[in-house]
Amino acid sequence: MDDRTTQDYVAGIENLFHFLKTGVRTILKIFLIWTDLFRRIVRSHEGRTAYRRDPLSHPEIAAMSERQKGDLPFDACTILPD
């Protein structure tokens, strides 16, 4: 190999390593953003439907007196399983 070919080869390897380093970093950032977004969606969904598994945990029902709770209609089929 002559010097020109060796320099081109080394430059190509350096470019490849630079691309891999920045590409992996970019892919990792995208993955972390995606997982964070997914976790937020799951948490917000759980927060909105937690009272469907335990109706008495709903904030408005928790604020009621026992007499008011006794007047509420109750359908066991609408409660989500765990």
C-alpha atoms as a PDB file:
ATOM      1  CA  MET A   1       0.000   0.000   0.000  1.00  0.00           C
ATOM      2  CA  ASP A   2       1.235   3.433  -0.736  1.00  0.00           C
ATOM      3  CA  ASP A   3       0.909   6.411   1.640  1.00  0.00           C
ATOM      4  CA  ARG A   4      -2.148   7.833  -0.130  1.00  0.00           C
ATOM      5  CA  THR A   5      -4.086   4.581   0.145  1.00  0.00           C
ATOM      6  CA  THR A   6      -3.127   4.166   3.820  1.00  0.00           C
ATOM      7  CA  GLN A   7      -4.203   7.724   4.621  1.00  0.00           C
ATOM      8  CA  ASP A   8      -7.518   7.203   2.846  1.00  0.00           C
ATOM      9  CA  TYR A   9      -8.026   3.932   4.722  1.00  0.00           C
ATOM     10  CA  VAL A  10      -7.275   5.547   8.102  1.00  0.00           C
ATOM     11  CA  ALA A  11      -9.508   8.521   7.285  1.00  0.00           C
ATOM     12  CA  GLY A  12     -12.299   6.143   6.308  1.00  0.00           C
ATOM     13  CA  ILE A  13     -11.934   4.208   9.575  1.00  0.00           C
ATOM     14  CA  GLU A  14     -11.941   7.470  11.575  1.00  0.00           C
ATOM     15  CA  ASN A  15     -15.077   8.617   9.767  1.00  0.00           C
ATOM     16  CA  LEU A  16     -16.726   5.276  10.439  1.00  0.00           C
ATOM     17  CA  PHE A  17     -15.921   5.472  14.169  1.00  0.00           C
ATOM     18  CA  HIS A  18     -17.185   9.061  14.319  1.00  0.00           C
ATOM     19  CA  PHE A  19     -20.404   8.065  12.573  1.00  0.00           C
ATOM     20  CA  LEU A  20     -20.905   5.091  14.876  1.00  0.00           C
ATOM     21  CA  LYS A  21     -20.253   7.202  17.968  1.00  0.00           C
ATOM     22  CA  THR A  22     -22.673   9.956  16.982  1.00  0.00           C
ATOM     23  CA  GLY A  23     -25.185   7.568  15.432  1.00  0.00           C
ATOM     24  CA  VAL A  24     -25.358   5.378  18.515  1.00  0.00           C
ATOM     25  CA  ARG A  25     -25.661   8.454  20.703  1.00  0.00           C
ATOM     26  CA  THR A  26     -28.520   9.753  18.554  1.00  0.00           C
ATOM     27  CA  ILE A  27     -30.306   6.409  18.555  1.00  0.00           C
ATOM     28  CA  LEU A  28     -29.886   6.185  22.331  1.00  0.00           C
ATOM     29  CA  LYS A  29     -31.343   9.679  22.769  1.00  0.00           C
ATOM     30  CA  ILE A  30     -34.331   8.801  20.586  1.00  0.00           C
ATOM     31  CA  PHE A  31     -34.853   5.575  22.531  1.00  0.00           C
ATOM     32  CA  LEU A  32     -34.687   7.362  25.884  1.00  0.00           C
ATOM     33  CA  ILE A  33     -37.116  10.059  24.740  1.00  0.00           C
ATOM     34  CA  TRP A  34     -39.487   7.384  23.454  1.00  0.00           C
ATOM     35  CA  THR A  35     -39.354   5.359  26.682  1.00  0.00           C
ATOM     36  CA  ASP A  36     -39.903   8.496  28.777  1.00  0.00           C
ATOM     37  CA  LEU A  37     -42.913   9.421  26.643  1.00  0.00           C
ATOM     38  CA  PHE A  38     -44.281   5.881  26.940  1.00  0.00           C
ATOM     39  CA  ARG A  39     -43.883   5.925  30.739  1.00  0.00           C
ATOM     40  CA  ARG A  40     -45.694   9.259  30.965  1.00  0.00           C
ATOM     41  CA  ILE A  41     -48.566   7.966  28.851  1.00  0.00           C
ATOM     42  CA  VAL A  42     -48.873   4.826  30.977  1.00  0.00           C
ATOM     43  CA  ARG A  43     -48.769   6.816  34.225  1.00  0.00           C
ATOM     44  CA  SER A  44     -51.405   9.277  33.026  1.00  0.00           C
ATOM     45  CA  HIS A  45     -53.610   6.422  31.843  1.00  0.00           C
ATOM     46  CA  GLU A  46     -53.229   4.601  35.174  1.00  0.00           C
ATOM     47  CA  GLY A  47     -54.083   7.780  37.040  1.00  0.00           C
ATOM     48  CA  ARG A  48     -57.284   8.236  35.072  1.00  0.00           C
ATOM     49  CA  THR A  49     -58.447   4.640  35.350  1.00  0.00           C
ATOM     50  CA  ALA A  50     -57.306   3.734  38.870  1.00  0.00           C
ATOM     51  CA  TYR A  51     -60.742   4.604  40.228  1.00  0.00           C
ATOM     52  CA  ARG A  52     -62.295   2.136  37.768  1.00  0.00           C
ATOM     53  CA  ARG A  53     -60.539  -0.705  39.595  1.00  0.00           C
ATOM     54  CA  ASP A  54     -61.414   0.768  43.004  1.00  0.00           C
ATOM     55  CA  PRO A  55     -64.418   3.090  42.678  1.00  0.00           C
ATOM     56  CA  LEU A  56     -64.113   4.314  46.260  1.00  0.00           C
ATOM     57  CA  SER A  57     -60.676   5.788  45.497  1.00  0.00           C
ATOM     58  CA  HIS A  58     -62.165   8.422  43.179  1.00  0.00           C
ATOM     59  CA  PRO A  59     -61.557  11.873  44.743  1.00  0.00           C
ATOM     60  CA  GLU A  60     -65.194  12.940  44.582  1.00  0.00           C
ATOM     61  CA  ILE A  61     -66.420   9.726  46.202  1.00  0.00           C
ATOM     62  CA  ALA A  62     -63.684   9.839  48.839  1.00  0.00           C
ATOM     63  CA  ALA A  63     -64.957  13.286  49.852  1.00  0.00           C
ATOM     64  CA  MET A  64     -68.522  12.005  50.372  1.00  0.00           C
ATOM     65  CA  SER A  65     -70.028  10.965  53.696  1.00  0.00           C
ATOM     66  CA  GLU A  66     -71.009   7.343  54.302  1.00  0.00           C
ATOM     67  CA  ARG A  67     -74.667   8.233  53.830  1.00  0.00           C
ATOM     68  CA  GLN A  68     -73.958   9.826  50.423  1.00  0.00           C
ATOM     69  CA  LYS A  69     -71.879   6.798  49.392  1.00  0.00           C
ATOM     70  CA  GLY A  70     -74.772   4.535  50.366  1.00  0.00           C
ATOM     71  CA  ASP A  71     -77.040   6.335  47.899  1.00  0.00           C
ATOM     72  CA  LEU A  72     -74.725   5.720  44.934  1.00  0.00           C
ATOM     73  CA  PRO A  73     -75.691   3.110  42.329  1.00  0.00           C
ATOM     74  CA  PHE A  74     -73.213   0.238  42.186  1.00  0.00           C
ATOM     75  CA  ASP A  75     -72.611  -2.089  39.228  1.00  0.00           C
ATOM     76  CA  ALA A  76     -69.922  -4.690  39.910  1.00  0.00           C
ATOM     77  CA  CYS A  77     -69.595  -5.468  36.185  1.00  0.00           C
ATOM     78  CA  THR A  78     -68.061  -2.045  35.488  1.00  0.00           C
ATOM     79  CA  ILE A  79     -65.068  -2.561  37.820  1.00  0.00           C
ATOM     80  CA  LEU A  80     -61.889  -3.442  35.947  1.00  0.00           C
ATOM     81  CA  PRO A  81     -59.976  -6.520  37.110  1.00  0.00           C
ATOM     82  CA  ASP A  82     -56.450  -6.111  38.498  1.00  0.00           C
END
